[in-house]
Structures are given as structure tokens and as C-alpha cells.
Protein backbone atom coordinates (compact mmCIF):
# COMPACT_ATOMS: atom_id res chain seq x y z
CA MET A 1 12.94 46.51 -38.93
CA PHE A 2 10.44 49.37 -39.16
CA LYS A 3 7.57 46.89 -38.81
CA LYS A 4 9.18 45.38 -35.71
CA ILE A 5 9.55 48.82 -34.15
CA ILE A 6 5.88 49.59 -34.82
CA LEU A 7 4.89 46.20 -33.37
CA LEU A 8 7.06 46.75 -30.31
CA CYS A 9 5.54 50.17 -29.66
CA SER A 10 2.03 48.71 -29.93
CA VAL A 11 2.89 45.90 -27.52
CA LEU A 12 4.43 48.32 -25.03
CA LEU A 13 1.35 50.54 -25.10
CA VAL A 14 -0.98 47.59 -24.49
CA PHE A 15 1.12 46.09 -21.71
CA GLY A 16 1.76 49.49 -20.20
CA ALA A 17 -1.93 50.33 -19.98
CA THR A 18 -2.81 46.88 -18.67
CA GLY A 19 0.04 46.92 -16.18
CA ILE A 20 -0.90 50.33 -14.78
CA ALA A 21 -4.57 49.34 -14.45
CA LEU A 22 -3.73 46.05 -12.76
CA ALA A 23 -1.20 47.68 -10.46
CA GLN A 24 -3.65 50.38 -9.40
CA GLU A 25 -6.49 47.92 -8.85
CA ALA A 26 -4.28 45.52 -6.93
CA THR A 27 -2.72 48.29 -4.83
CA ASP A 28 -6.10 49.61 -3.78
CA THR A 29 -7.35 46.15 -2.90
CA VAL A 30 -4.28 44.99 -1.02
CA VAL A 31 -4.34 48.09 1.13
CA ALA A 32 -8.01 47.45 1.89
CA VAL A 33 -7.39 43.87 3.00
CA ASP A 34 -6.63 43.45 6.69
CA GLN A 35 -6.19 39.72 7.14
CA PRO A 36 -3.28 37.71 8.56
CA ALA A 37 -0.78 36.29 6.10
CA VAL A 38 -0.94 32.60 5.24
CA GLN A 39 1.56 30.34 6.98
CA ALA A 40 4.92 29.83 5.26
CA THR A 41 5.52 26.75 3.16
CA VAL A 42 6.84 23.63 4.83
CA GLN A 43 10.55 23.46 4.02
CA ASP A 44 10.45 19.93 2.65
CA GLU A 45 7.85 20.93 0.06
CA ALA A 46 8.99 24.46 -0.83
CA ILE A 47 10.17 24.99 -4.40
CA THR A 48 12.70 27.79 -4.73
CA ALA A 49 13.21 30.28 -7.55
CA GLN A 50 16.64 28.78 -8.08
CA GLU A 51 15.10 25.36 -8.78
CA LEU A 52 12.96 27.02 -11.45
CA ASP A 53 16.06 28.69 -12.96
CA ILE A 54 14.74 32.19 -12.28
CA SER A 55 15.29 34.99 -9.77
CA GLU A 56 12.98 35.50 -6.81
CA PRO A 57 10.37 38.07 -7.91
CA THR A 58 10.51 41.36 -6.03
CA LEU A 59 8.11 43.38 -8.18
CA LEU A 60 4.55 42.12 -7.67
CA PRO A 61 1.31 42.93 -9.54
CA TYR A 62 0.14 45.45 -6.94
CA SER A 63 3.27 47.59 -7.45
CA LYS A 64 2.76 50.82 -9.41
CA PHE A 65 5.91 49.92 -11.33
CA TYR A 66 4.79 46.41 -12.30
CA PHE A 67 4.11 47.58 -15.84
CA LEU A 68 7.88 47.93 -16.31
CA LYS A 69 8.22 44.16 -15.91
CA ASN A 70 5.54 43.65 -18.56
CA TRP A 71 7.39 46.04 -20.87
CA LYS A 72 10.63 44.13 -20.38
CA ASN A 73 8.93 40.81 -21.15
CA ALA A 74 7.24 42.30 -24.21
CA ILE A 75 10.54 43.59 -25.57
CA GLN A 76 12.19 40.20 -25.02
CA SER A 77 9.32 38.46 -26.77
CA VAL A 78 9.50 40.70 -29.85
CA PHE A 79 13.22 40.07 -30.25
CA THR A 80 13.10 36.32 -29.53
CA PHE A 81 13.04 34.27 -32.72
CA GLY A 82 12.02 30.67 -33.35
CA GLN A 83 9.19 28.80 -31.65
CA VAL A 84 11.51 26.80 -29.35
CA LYS A 85 13.18 29.96 -28.05
CA LYS A 86 9.81 31.67 -27.67
CA ALA A 87 8.47 28.67 -25.74
CA GLU A 88 11.50 28.77 -23.43
CA LEU A 89 10.95 32.47 -22.77
CA ASN A 90 7.24 32.02 -22.05
CA LEU A 91 8.00 29.07 -19.77
CA LYS A 92 10.43 31.23 -17.80
CA ILE A 93 7.89 34.05 -17.51
CA ALA A 94 5.21 31.54 -16.45
CA SER A 95 7.40 30.41 -13.55
CA GLU A 96 7.91 34.04 -12.55
CA LYS A 97 4.14 34.64 -12.61
CA LEU A 98 3.55 31.56 -10.46
CA LEU A 99 6.02 32.69 -7.81
CA GLU A 100 4.36 36.12 -7.87
CA ALA A 101 1.05 34.38 -7.13
CA ARG A 102 2.66 32.48 -4.27
CA LYS A 103 4.04 35.67 -2.77
CA LEU A 104 0.66 37.36 -3.07
CA ALA A 105 -0.97 34.43 -1.26
CA GLU A 106 1.36 35.17 1.66
CA LYS A 107 0.25 38.80 1.72
CA THR A 108 -3.48 38.73 1.06
CA ASN A 109 -6.57 36.51 1.07
CA ASN A 110 -8.38 38.70 -1.47
CA PRO A 111 -9.74 36.31 -4.14
CA LYS A 112 -9.83 38.97 -6.86
CA ILE A 113 -6.09 39.55 -6.58
CA LEU A 114 -5.24 35.86 -6.26
CA ASN A 115 -7.45 34.87 -9.19
CA LYS A 116 -5.87 37.56 -11.36
CA ALA A 117 -2.36 36.42 -10.43
CA THR A 118 -3.29 32.81 -11.24
CA GLU A 119 -4.74 33.96 -14.55
CA LEU A 120 -1.49 35.74 -15.46
CA TYR A 121 0.34 32.45 -14.91
CA GLN A 122 -2.26 30.52 -16.90
CA ASN A 123 -1.95 32.92 -19.84
CA LYS A 124 1.78 32.29 -20.08
CA ILE A 125 1.36 28.52 -19.90
CA GLU A 126 -1.19 28.80 -22.71
CA ALA A 127 1.36 30.85 -24.67
CA VAL A 128 3.89 28.03 -24.23
CA GLN A 129 1.34 25.56 -25.60
CA LYS A 130 0.75 27.75 -28.66
CA ASN A 131 4.49 27.88 -29.31
CA ILE A 132 4.79 24.09 -28.99
CA ALA A 133 1.89 23.57 -31.40
CA LYS A 134 4.07 25.22 -34.07
CA PHE A 135 7.12 23.01 -33.49
CA LYS A 136 8.13 21.33 -36.74
CA GLU A 137 10.32 18.66 -35.11
CA THR A 138 10.25 16.29 -32.13
CA ALA A 139 12.70 15.36 -29.38
CA THR A 140 13.96 12.53 -31.59
CA THR A 141 14.74 14.68 -34.62
CA SER A 142 15.95 17.86 -32.89
CA VAL A 143 18.49 18.36 -30.10
CA ALA A 144 16.96 21.77 -29.37
CA VAL A 145 13.49 20.26 -28.92
CA SER A 146 14.89 17.47 -26.73
CA LYS A 147 16.62 19.99 -24.46
CA PHE A 148 13.46 22.07 -24.31
CA LEU A 149 11.40 19.01 -23.38
CA ASP A 150 13.79 18.28 -20.51
CA LYS A 151 13.31 21.83 -19.25
CA PHE A 152 9.55 21.75 -19.84
CA THR A 153 9.13 18.46 -17.94
CA LYS A 154 11.17 19.73 -15.00
CA GLN A 155 9.23 23.01 -14.88
CA GLN A 156 5.81 21.36 -15.16
CA ILE A 157 6.55 19.01 -12.25
CA LEU A 158 7.89 21.80 -10.03
CA GLN A 159 5.04 24.13 -10.99
CA GLU A 160 2.52 21.43 -10.08
CA GLN A 161 4.11 21.20 -6.64
CA ILE A 162 3.80 24.96 -6.17
CA LEU A 163 0.16 24.93 -7.30
CA ASP A 164 -0.53 22.03 -4.94
CA LYS A 165 0.83 23.99 -1.98
CA LEU A 166 -0.88 27.18 -3.15
CA ALA A 167 -4.20 25.35 -3.12
CA SER A 168 -3.83 24.87 0.63
CA GLN A 169 -3.01 28.53 1.24
CA VAL A 170 -5.76 30.40 -0.57
CA PRO A 171 -9.38 30.92 0.54
CA ALA A 172 -12.12 28.75 -0.97
CA SER A 173 -13.17 31.59 -3.29
CA ALA A 174 -9.76 31.48 -5.00
CA LEU A 175 -9.30 27.71 -4.89
CA GLU A 176 -11.55 26.93 -7.86
CA LYS A 177 -9.38 28.93 -10.26
CA ILE A 178 -6.21 27.19 -9.08
CA GLN A 179 -7.81 23.75 -9.45
CA GLN A 180 -8.96 24.60 -12.97
CA VAL A 181 -5.45 25.67 -13.93
CA ARG A 182 -3.94 22.49 -12.43
CA GLU A 183 -6.34 20.20 -14.26
CA ARG A 184 -5.75 21.94 -17.58
CA GLN A 185 -1.99 22.05 -17.10
CA LEU A 186 -1.70 18.31 -16.42
CA GLU A 187 -3.75 17.55 -19.53
CA GLN A 188 -1.57 19.81 -21.66
CA PHE A 189 1.57 18.26 -20.17
CA GLY A 190 0.40 14.89 -21.44
CA GLN A 191 -0.45 16.30 -24.86
CA VAL A 192 3.01 17.84 -25.19
CA MET A 193 4.71 14.56 -24.26
CA GLN A 194 2.59 12.73 -26.81
CA LYS A 195 3.46 15.28 -29.53
CA LEU A 196 7.19 15.70 -28.90
CA GLU A 197 8.43 12.41 -27.41
CA ASP A 198 8.53 8.81 -28.63
CA LYS A 199 6.06 6.71 -26.66
CA ASP A 200 8.80 4.34 -25.46
CA LYS A 201 10.86 7.21 -24.02
CA ILE A 202 8.14 8.95 -22.00
CA LYS A 203 8.88 6.93 -18.84
CA ALA A 204 12.56 7.93 -18.83
CA ARG A 205 11.73 11.55 -19.59
CA VAL A 206 9.20 11.83 -16.75
CA GLU A 207 11.48 10.01 -14.29
CA LYS A 208 14.29 12.41 -15.18
CA GLY A 209 11.96 15.32 -14.46
CA LEU A 210 10.93 13.85 -11.11
CA GLU A 211 14.56 13.64 -10.03
CA ASN A 212 14.61 17.44 -10.00
CA LEU A 213 12.47 17.37 -6.85
CA LYS A 214 14.61 18.32 -3.90
CA GLU A 215 15.99 15.57 -1.72
CA SER A 216 13.91 15.04 1.40
CA ASP A 217 12.10 12.31 3.33
CA LEU A 218 8.99 13.23 1.35
CA LYS A 219 10.51 12.91 -2.12
CA PRO A 220 9.50 9.23 -2.69
CA ILE A 221 5.84 9.85 -1.80
CA ILE A 222 5.68 13.11 -3.76
CA LYS A 223 7.03 11.31 -6.84
CA LEU A 224 4.33 8.66 -6.51
CA GLU A 225 1.61 11.27 -5.99
CA ILE A 226 2.65 13.20 -9.12
CA LEU A 227 2.75 10.03 -11.22
CA LYS A 228 -0.80 9.19 -10.14
CA LYS A 229 -1.95 12.67 -11.16
CA LEU A 230 -0.28 12.30 -14.55
CA GLU A 231 -1.81 8.86 -14.97
CA ASP A 232 -5.27 10.41 -14.72
CA LYS A 233 -4.58 13.18 -17.24
CA PHE A 234 -2.11 11.82 -19.79
CA PRO A 235 -3.39 10.39 -23.11
CA THR A 236 -4.31 6.70 -23.11
CA SER A 237 -1.38 5.86 -25.39
CA THR A 238 1.08 6.91 -22.67
CA ILE A 239 -0.51 5.11 -19.70
CA GLN A 240 1.62 1.95 -19.98
CA GLN A 241 4.80 4.02 -19.69
CA LEU A 242 3.44 5.83 -16.63
CA GLU A 243 2.38 2.54 -15.05
CA GLN A 244 5.95 1.30 -15.35
CA ALA A 245 7.26 4.51 -13.78
CA LYS A 246 4.70 4.24 -10.98
CA THR A 247 5.66 0.61 -10.24
CA LYS A 248 9.29 1.67 -9.96
CA ALA A 249 8.33 4.61 -7.71
CA LEU A 250 6.29 2.30 -5.47
CA GLN A 251 9.24 -0.05 -5.06
CA ASN A 252 11.51 2.88 -4.28
CA LEU A 253 9.04 4.18 -1.69
CA ASN A 254 8.75 0.68 -0.22
CA ASP A 255 12.53 0.43 0.21
CA LYS A 256 12.79 3.94 1.65
CA LEU A 257 9.93 3.44 4.11
CA GLN A 258 11.42 0.29 5.59
CA ALA A 259 14.83 1.91 6.01
CA MET A 260 13.51 5.16 7.47
CA PRO A 261 13.62 6.00 11.17
CA ALA A 262 10.24 6.40 12.89
CA ALA A 263 10.36 10.21 12.72
CA ALA A 264 10.79 10.18 8.94
CA GLN A 265 7.99 7.62 8.56
CA GLN A 266 5.75 9.91 10.58
CA LYS A 267 6.44 12.78 8.18
CA ILE A 268 5.26 10.63 5.28
CA GLU A 269 2.18 9.54 7.20
CA ASN A 270 1.35 13.18 7.92
CA TYR A 271 1.85 14.07 4.27
CA LEU A 272 -0.47 11.27 3.15
CA ASP A 273 -3.05 12.35 5.69
CA LYS A 274 -3.00 15.96 4.47
CA ALA A 275 -2.37 15.45 0.74
CA LYS A 276 -4.41 17.85 -1.40
CA THR A 277 -6.41 15.30 -3.35
CA THR A 278 -9.75 13.51 -3.08
CA ILE A 279 -10.45 10.94 -0.37
CA GLU A 280 -10.85 8.31 -3.09
CA LYS A 281 -7.44 9.07 -4.58
CA LYS A 282 -5.81 9.00 -1.15
CA GLN A 283 -7.39 5.63 -0.40
CA GLU A 284 -6.25 4.31 -3.77
CA MET A 285 -2.67 5.45 -3.19
CA LEU A 286 -2.63 4.01 0.32
CA ASN A 287 -3.85 0.65 -1.01
CA GLU A 288 -1.10 0.62 -3.63
CA ILE A 289 1.55 1.41 -1.02
CA LYS A 290 0.19 -1.21 1.35
CA ASN A 291 0.06 -3.90 -1.34
CA SER A 292 3.67 -3.19 -2.33
CA LEU A 293 4.94 -3.78 1.22
CA PRO A 294 6.16 -7.18 2.47
CA THR A 295 3.46 -9.32 4.10
CA ASN A 296 4.97 -9.04 7.58
CA SER A 297 5.65 -5.28 7.41
CA THR A 298 4.36 -3.29 10.39
CA LEU A 299 3.84 -0.39 8.00
CA LYS A 300 0.78 -2.16 6.58
CA GLN A 301 -1.02 -1.51 9.86
CA LYS A 302 -0.04 2.17 9.71
CA MET A 303 -1.53 2.43 6.21
CA ASP A 304 -4.78 0.98 7.57
CA ILE A 305 -4.79 3.52 10.40
CA ILE A 306 -4.38 6.40 7.95
CA LYS A 307 -7.17 4.98 5.78
CA GLU A 308 -9.47 4.78 8.80
CA ASN A 309 -8.64 8.38 9.73
CA LEU A 310 -9.52 9.44 6.20
CA ARG A 311 -12.79 7.51 6.35
CA GLN A 312 -13.73 9.25 9.60
CA GLN A 313 -12.77 12.66 8.19
CA ASN A 314 -14.92 12.02 5.15
CA ALA A 315 -17.84 10.90 7.30
CA THR A 316 -17.55 14.04 9.45
CA THR A 317 -17.34 16.31 6.39
CA THR A 318 -20.36 14.65 4.82
CA ALA A 319 -22.38 14.89 8.04
CA THR A 320 -21.65 18.62 8.45
CA SER A 321 -22.21 19.50 4.80
CA PRO A 322 -24.97 22.12 4.26
CA ILE A 323 -26.74 19.61 2.02
CA ASN A 324 -27.26 17.36 5.02
CA GLN A 325 -28.37 20.11 7.38
């Protein structure tokens, strides 16, 4: 017990000093920034704190009292035992850090603050990975690991949605850090699934996680978009399972599209047009959607129109690039 008390005191001192420094730096910088706040998230795409099983953060990194939150987390960590429980705690804290970053993006465009907030989230996700690396059992041999993997899958999918939206809110100078975190997170997600889940059960596990996305007209297309991202980053041994999940998602989207009123179809078209991914990936997804539709579907023509709009956007961007000036 004495050793734990000494360890706790050391942790509190480190986090306290770091928290105070970060709070002071962030406070000074936020006050200095005089830029309009970024637009609020579109309701259909917004992920709430409740969906992440946490409370909405009210104490942000620029607060002088932010170090108290770090102290609380440090105390919880010291008195949390077992790698599964530690991973659950770090996953919860990671979600809190991500929502803090989202709130900061609504208050400031300062890249230093936004990059630091993203880094705090990244550190906690890395901590989760370190905990998982020490797991002695898998989802097949342990009920606790299986329950954790359900929670982890749900959180990773929702966190990816938040990062995707965040990427459209921050200035270019803060975008690179977010993209790096997203790429790394998707890769680690695949590695965790490969380590903890039987290959034949990955499809069901991912589909279960995707069902946690809130019900909206956009849900079918968001599910497909996420599956395509996972397909690019998951280990080769899991690709067949993801392909099966993607085929099912395409069919579901096909059915939904044909039954949707025109207004709902327009929302999906707008989402496809503005999706935060490369032109090539957008074109690829549009082709897959088009090919899954019945031959006589009028939606095929709409897919072609969106593709042409993307082609023109890409041509305009290329023509105005500094390289071509």
C-alpha cells in the first residue's frame, strides 16, 4: 500500500504540473485568438456524449482548473486493476479527450491548441493499445474480453465519425495531426480485431458496432463509408469478412435509397458530394453504389451526376494549385 501511495503522489505531481502548464498556455492563447467559431455539427452526423457513455465535458484544457481532471483520472488509473479494466478506463478517458477537442474546435482556430487537444486524445488511445497488448485471453475464451471488444468496436466507430467531422472544422494547419491520428487509429482497430476476435466473427462484431450509429437518412451511407475505410486499414486476413459486411451494407443502402423520398435522397447525395475522403475513394464508392442498383434505376443517373461534379471539382482544384501557377 505504501508503494501505491508513493506512486500516486508522483503521478499527481506530474499531472498537476503538466495540467497547470497546459491550462496556462491554452488560456493565454485562447484569449489572444479573435476568430469566429466554427459552425455547429449537422444534427444527422453529430455524436453525443451519451452515445459514448460519458458526460459532456465542461472543463476544457484552457481552464486553470483542468489539472484537477487529470488528477482525478490519475487516481482512478492507480486504483484500477487488471488490463481489461484499465483499457476500459483509458477508452472512456479517450472519448472525453476527443469531445474536449471538438468543443475547442468550436471556440478557436488556433492550431497549437487544437493539435495539443488531439494529442491528448491520441495518447489515451495509445494507452488503450498498450493495455490490450497485455491481454492474456481473447473474446472467445473470456466473457470480459468479449464485452470489452463490443465496447471498443462501438467507441472506435463513433470516434472515427467525430474525427471525420472535426477534420472539416479545423484550419489546414491542424488538419494534418487529425488525419495522422485517424490513419493510425484505423490500423490499430484492425490489429485489435485480429488479436482478440476469431476471423470468422469479425463481420458480426463490426456490424454490431455499426448499428450503434444513430438512426438517420444518412446511416446507410455512413456505414458503407466506414466499412471502406476499415477495408483499407485492416489486416489482409480480415478483408474477406469486411467484404461480406460491405456487400450487405451496399444492399441495405440500395433498398433504402429506392424507398426514400426525394428529400432524403438529396441528403445522401449532398453527403457523398462533401464526404471527407479523396476524390478517388469517392468515385470508387459511387461506382459500387451505382453497380448495386437495378439496371432501370433513375438513381444511377444521379450517381453519374455526382461523379461528374467531383471530376470538375478535382479539375478546378488541380488548376488552381500553387504547383500549377
